[in-house]
Amino acid sequence: MGKIQGRRPFLGVLAIFLSLIICLGDTAFAYENTSLLPDHPTPVIDLARTLTNKERISLEKSLKEYEDKTGWKIRVLSQYEKIPGLAVKEFWGLDERSLLLIADPRGGNLLNFNVGDALFVLMPRIFWVELQTRYGNQYYVQEHGEDGAIIDAIESIETCLDRGGCNVVPGLSKDQWLWTLASSILGGIIAGFVAFPRNENELIAWGWLLLLAPLWLMLFGLFGITPVITRTSETLPLLRNILAFLGSTIMAYLTAKVTLGRVKPTDNN
């Protein structure tokens, strides 16, 4: 693939997007170097020394046990300057029930995945892109380490395989929850302001509230609640978002009442 030079910044964004798609395919291998392969069977090849000896031994054991129990073959390759390339396919006998996690920090994102067809049936392509961006980004790696990113990603994969598949990565990160919280608050503010009565005989402007329901319901329901219930079974984030919506609704309603007051009927006499 040729290099793109002298282009505008938007081509850089396009290149990043394409790299997320390419990394899921066979192009993760560039050439074949069998000299880098171990002389004994192992599900982990840690050329970049990303894992400690204790972590590597524990991961090797857990991956072997998981394969024996479920039939899913998960393999881990860490690399930096030395790259075995196509040699790992034959070494591990990768097939449609195999997943190869490649940890290589040179591309800006630590994690890449070579996914067998049988896994794509259970977890769609968008799942793997989200998995890569959640655990492989520089901020997560800085906070949890490269070893933590690898282990956490594998735990998410095994969780989804045990569930029979996932459309989204399980677990709610702090950034995701803050986004849902902000959406819930914004939905409540809109609902509170539109519910403010327009005449003396109303307590709540139901007409306006229903008219703009698609907007505040989308913010609260689609962006505030749905991401929470699809990613975690914990009730605390859900309860916080609901209380945030109700609280912002009441505050917006009372603010409108104090600042705008009630619209009095016009005296025509």
Protein backbone atom coordinates (compact mmCIF):
# COMPACT_ATOMS: atom_id res chain seq x y z
CA MET A 1 0.00 0.00 0.00
CA GLY A 2 1.51 3.32 -1.07
CA LYS A 3 2.11 6.20 1.28
CA ILE A 4 -0.09 9.27 1.18
CA GLN A 5 1.96 12.44 1.23
CA GLY A 6 1.25 16.14 0.92
CA ARG A 7 -2.47 15.78 1.58
CA ARG A 8 -4.90 17.76 3.67
CA PRO A 9 -5.55 16.87 7.34
CA PHE A 10 -8.86 15.19 6.54
CA LEU A 11 -6.96 12.44 4.76
CA GLY A 12 -5.26 11.70 8.06
CA VAL A 13 -8.65 11.13 9.66
CA LEU A 14 -9.61 8.89 6.74
CA ALA A 15 -6.41 6.90 7.18
CA ILE A 16 -7.16 6.33 10.86
CA PHE A 17 -10.66 5.11 10.03
CA LEU A 18 -9.37 2.75 7.36
CA SER A 19 -6.74 1.39 9.74
CA LEU A 20 -9.52 0.32 12.13
CA ILE A 21 -11.13 -1.69 9.35
CA ILE A 22 -7.92 -3.07 7.89
CA CYS A 23 -6.66 -4.23 11.27
CA LEU A 24 -9.57 -6.68 11.49
CA GLY A 25 -8.50 -8.54 8.38
CA ASP A 26 -5.64 -10.68 7.16
CA THR A 27 -3.57 -7.62 6.31
CA ALA A 28 -2.37 -7.59 9.92
CA PHE A 29 0.38 -9.90 8.61
CA ALA A 30 3.04 -8.47 6.33
CA TYR A 31 5.50 -11.31 5.76
CA GLU A 32 6.72 -14.59 7.22
CA ASN A 33 9.51 -14.95 9.79
CA THR A 34 9.53 -18.38 11.42
CA SER A 35 12.74 -17.70 13.35
CA LEU A 36 10.75 -15.64 15.87
CA LEU A 37 8.42 -18.51 16.78
CA PRO A 38 8.92 -20.47 20.02
CA ASP A 39 10.03 -24.11 19.88
CA HIS A 40 7.07 -25.29 21.95
CA PRO A 41 3.26 -24.91 21.72
CA THR A 42 1.94 -21.82 23.48
CA PRO A 43 -1.07 -19.52 23.00
CA VAL A 44 1.03 -16.43 23.82
CA ILE A 45 4.02 -15.05 21.90
CA ASP A 46 5.29 -12.02 23.79
CA LEU A 47 8.05 -10.64 21.57
CA ALA A 48 7.63 -7.09 22.93
CA ARG A 49 7.88 -8.30 26.55
CA THR A 50 4.56 -6.64 27.30
CA LEU A 51 3.59 -9.15 29.99
CA THR A 52 5.45 -10.10 33.13
CA ASN A 53 6.47 -13.74 33.42
CA LYS A 54 3.72 -14.32 35.96
CA GLU A 55 1.11 -12.70 33.72
CA ARG A 56 2.28 -14.65 30.66
CA ILE A 57 2.17 -18.00 32.47
CA SER A 58 -1.26 -17.22 33.92
CA LEU A 59 -2.60 -16.09 30.53
CA GLU A 60 -1.22 -19.19 28.78
CA LYS A 61 -2.95 -21.41 31.31
CA SER A 62 -6.29 -19.59 31.16
CA LEU A 63 -6.37 -19.53 27.34
CA LYS A 64 -5.59 -23.26 27.14
CA GLU A 65 -8.31 -24.04 29.67
CA TYR A 66 -10.79 -21.80 27.85
CA GLU A 67 -10.06 -23.50 24.52
CA ASP A 68 -10.49 -26.96 26.07
CA LYS A 69 -13.78 -25.90 27.65
CA THR A 70 -15.38 -23.99 24.77
CA GLY A 71 -13.46 -24.76 21.59
CA TRP A 72 -12.71 -21.08 20.97
CA LYS A 73 -9.06 -20.50 20.16
CA ILE A 74 -7.72 -17.17 21.47
CA ARG A 75 -4.11 -16.32 20.72
CA VAL A 76 -2.01 -13.33 21.79
CA LEU A 77 0.94 -11.84 19.93
CA SER A 78 2.87 -8.79 21.17
CA GLN A 79 5.38 -7.28 18.79
CA TYR A 80 7.35 -4.12 18.20
CA GLU A 81 10.39 -4.26 15.93
CA LYS A 82 10.43 -8.04 15.41
CA ILE A 83 7.36 -9.31 13.53
CA PRO A 84 6.67 -12.98 12.69
CA GLY A 85 3.93 -12.07 10.20
CA LEU A 86 2.27 -14.93 8.35
CA ALA A 87 4.26 -17.52 10.28
CA VAL A 88 1.85 -17.37 13.23
CA LYS A 89 -1.06 -18.59 11.10
CA GLU A 90 0.51 -21.98 10.50
CA PHE A 91 2.09 -22.12 13.96
CA TRP A 92 -1.28 -21.67 15.67
CA GLY A 93 -3.46 -23.23 12.98
CA LEU A 94 -5.76 -20.20 12.93
CA ASP A 95 -9.21 -20.99 11.55
CA GLU A 96 -12.77 -19.62 11.63
CA ARG A 97 -13.06 -20.28 15.38
CA SER A 98 -9.82 -18.45 16.15
CA LEU A 99 -9.09 -14.96 17.38
CA LEU A 100 -5.64 -13.41 17.23
CA LEU A 101 -5.04 -10.36 19.43
CA ILE A 102 -2.03 -8.39 18.21
CA ALA A 103 -0.50 -5.87 20.60
CA ASP A 104 1.66 -3.39 18.69
CA PRO A 105 1.92 0.24 19.89
CA ARG A 106 3.47 1.62 16.71
CA GLY A 107 0.13 2.39 15.06
CA GLY A 108 -1.11 4.72 17.81
CA ASN A 109 -3.60 2.14 19.07
CA LEU A 110 -2.14 -0.81 20.95
CA LEU A 111 -4.65 -3.47 19.92
CA ASN A 112 -5.46 -5.11 16.60
CA PHE A 113 -7.57 -8.20 15.97
CA ASN A 114 -7.60 -10.93 13.35
CA VAL A 115 -11.09 -12.38 13.73
CA GLY A 116 -12.35 -15.73 12.50
CA ASP A 117 -15.64 -15.87 10.60
CA ALA A 118 -17.41 -17.78 13.37
CA LEU A 119 -16.69 -14.98 15.82
CA PHE A 120 -18.02 -12.35 13.43
CA VAL A 121 -21.35 -14.14 13.60
CA LEU A 122 -21.50 -13.59 17.37
CA MET A 123 -19.82 -10.18 17.56
CA PRO A 124 -20.19 -7.86 14.55
CA ARG A 125 -17.42 -5.70 13.13
CA ILE A 126 -18.52 -2.63 15.11
CA PHE A 127 -17.95 -4.63 18.32
CA TRP A 128 -14.29 -5.17 17.45
CA VAL A 129 -13.80 -1.53 16.52
CA GLU A 130 -15.28 -0.47 19.87
CA LEU A 131 -13.15 -3.04 21.69
CA GLN A 132 -10.03 -1.67 20.04
CA THR A 133 -10.85 1.96 20.74
CA ARG A 134 -11.85 1.33 24.36
CA TYR A 135 -8.92 -0.78 25.54
CA GLY A 136 -6.22 0.08 23.01
CA ASN A 137 -6.33 3.86 23.15
CA GLN A 138 -3.37 5.72 24.63
CA TYR A 139 -5.27 6.99 27.67
CA TYR A 140 -6.40 3.53 28.71
CA VAL A 141 -2.92 2.11 28.15
CA GLN A 142 -1.34 4.89 30.21
CA GLU A 143 -3.73 4.23 33.09
CA HIS A 144 -3.79 0.43 33.03
CA GLY A 145 -0.60 -0.49 31.20
CA GLU A 146 -0.20 -2.48 28.00
CA ASP A 147 -0.55 -5.72 29.94
CA GLY A 148 -3.77 -4.51 31.54
CA ALA A 149 -5.21 -3.50 28.18
CA ILE A 150 -4.52 -6.94 26.73
CA ILE A 151 -5.94 -8.84 29.69
CA ASP A 152 -9.04 -6.62 29.97
CA ALA A 153 -9.78 -6.99 26.26
CA ILE A 154 -9.54 -10.78 26.49
CA GLU A 155 -11.85 -10.82 29.51
CA SER A 156 -14.45 -8.83 27.54
CA ILE A 157 -14.17 -11.24 24.61
CA GLU A 158 -14.59 -14.30 26.82
CA THR A 159 -17.56 -12.69 28.58
CA CYS A 160 -19.30 -12.16 25.25
CA LEU A 161 -18.52 -15.67 24.02
CA ASP A 162 -19.97 -17.09 27.24
CA ARG A 163 -23.11 -15.02 26.65
CA GLY A 164 -23.48 -16.34 23.12
CA GLY A 165 -22.43 -13.04 21.52
CA CYS A 166 -22.55 -9.27 22.01
CA ASN A 167 -23.42 -6.32 19.84
CA VAL A 168 -21.52 -3.90 22.07
CA VAL A 169 -18.58 -4.25 24.40
CA PRO A 170 -19.80 -5.14 27.92
CA GLY A 171 -19.06 -2.77 30.74
CA LEU A 172 -19.61 0.96 30.99
CA SER A 173 -16.48 3.08 30.96
CA LYS A 174 -16.33 6.35 32.87
CA ASP A 175 -16.30 8.40 29.67
CA GLN A 176 -19.32 6.56 28.31
CA TRP A 177 -21.25 7.03 31.54
CA LEU A 178 -20.46 10.76 31.65
CA TRP A 179 -21.79 11.04 28.11
CA THR A 180 -25.03 9.28 29.07
CA LEU A 181 -25.31 11.45 32.18
CA ALA A 182 -24.90 14.64 30.14
CA SER A 183 -27.53 13.45 27.67
CA SER A 184 -29.95 12.69 30.50
CA ILE A 185 -29.44 16.15 32.03
CA LEU A 186 -29.90 17.89 28.67
CA GLY A 187 -33.07 15.90 28.02
CA GLY A 188 -34.39 16.92 31.43
CA ILE A 189 -33.62 20.62 30.82
CA ILE A 190 -35.53 20.58 27.55
CA ALA A 191 -38.46 18.72 29.09
CA GLY A 192 -38.59 21.12 32.04
CA PHE A 193 -38.61 24.27 29.91
CA VAL A 194 -41.21 23.05 27.43
CA ALA A 195 -43.43 21.86 30.31
CA PHE A 196 -43.65 25.40 31.67
CA PRO A 197 -47.34 26.51 31.39
CA ARG A 198 -48.30 29.19 28.90
CA ASN A 199 -51.49 30.32 30.62
CA GLU A 200 -53.01 30.66 34.10
CA ASN A 201 -55.13 27.53 33.89
CA GLU A 202 -52.25 25.12 33.26
CA LEU A 203 -49.85 23.46 35.63
CA ILE A 204 -47.95 21.66 32.86
CA ALA A 205 -47.97 22.52 29.17
CA TRP A 206 -48.78 19.00 28.01
CA GLY A 207 -49.17 20.05 24.41
CA TRP A 208 -45.64 21.45 24.18
CA LEU A 209 -44.23 18.58 26.24
CA LEU A 210 -45.72 16.01 23.85
CA LEU A 211 -44.80 18.03 20.77
CA LEU A 212 -41.11 18.04 21.68
CA ALA A 213 -41.16 14.55 23.18
CA PRO A 214 -39.10 13.07 20.31
CA LEU A 215 -36.24 15.41 21.25
CA TRP A 216 -36.09 15.00 25.02
CA LEU A 217 -37.01 11.32 24.89
CA MET A 218 -34.22 10.69 22.40
CA LEU A 219 -31.68 12.42 24.64
CA PHE A 220 -32.88 10.68 27.78
CA GLY A 221 -33.95 7.29 26.44
CA LEU A 222 -31.74 6.63 23.44
CA PHE A 223 -28.53 8.32 24.60
CA GLY A 224 -29.01 8.38 28.37
CA ILE A 225 -30.53 4.99 29.21
CA THR A 226 -30.00 2.57 26.33
CA PRO A 227 -26.16 2.59 26.41
CA VAL A 228 -26.29 1.84 30.14
CA ILE A 229 -28.69 -1.10 30.08
CA THR A 230 -27.02 -2.68 27.04
CA ARG A 231 -23.52 -2.58 28.57
CA THR A 232 -23.99 -3.30 32.26
CA SER A 233 -26.43 -4.89 34.68
CA GLU A 234 -25.46 -2.48 37.47
CA THR A 235 -28.34 -0.37 38.72
CA LEU A 236 -26.32 2.53 40.11
CA PRO A 237 -25.45 4.21 36.75
CA LEU A 238 -29.04 3.76 35.61
CA LEU A 239 -30.42 5.23 38.84
CA ARG A 240 -28.05 8.18 38.63
CA ASN A 241 -29.14 9.00 35.08
CA ILE A 242 -32.83 8.77 35.98
CA LEU A 243 -32.37 11.02 39.01
CA ALA A 244 -30.30 13.44 36.90
CA PHE A 245 -33.09 13.62 34.34
CA LEU A 246 -35.78 14.20 36.96
CA GLY A 247 -33.68 16.73 38.84
CA SER A 248 -32.80 18.75 35.75
CA THR A 249 -36.43 18.66 34.64
CA ILE A 250 -37.63 20.10 37.94
CA MET A 251 -34.84 22.70 38.03
CA ALA A 252 -35.56 23.83 34.47
CA TYR A 253 -39.29 24.03 35.22
CA LEU A 254 -38.75 26.10 38.38
CA THR A 255 -36.18 28.32 36.65
CA ALA A 256 -38.63 29.07 33.86
CA LYS A 257 -41.32 29.82 36.43
CA VAL A 258 -39.12 32.28 38.31
CA THR A 259 -37.53 34.03 35.33
CA LEU A 260 -40.43 34.06 32.88
CA GLY A 261 -43.41 34.03 35.20
CA ARG A 262 -46.86 33.08 34.04
CA VAL A 263 -48.25 34.56 30.87
CA LYS A 264 -51.37 36.46 31.92
CA PRO A 265 -54.43 36.72 29.70
CA THR A 266 -54.55 39.94 27.70
CA ASP A 267 -57.10 42.47 28.95
CA ASN A 268 -59.04 43.68 25.85
CA ASN A 269 -61.23 46.12 27.79
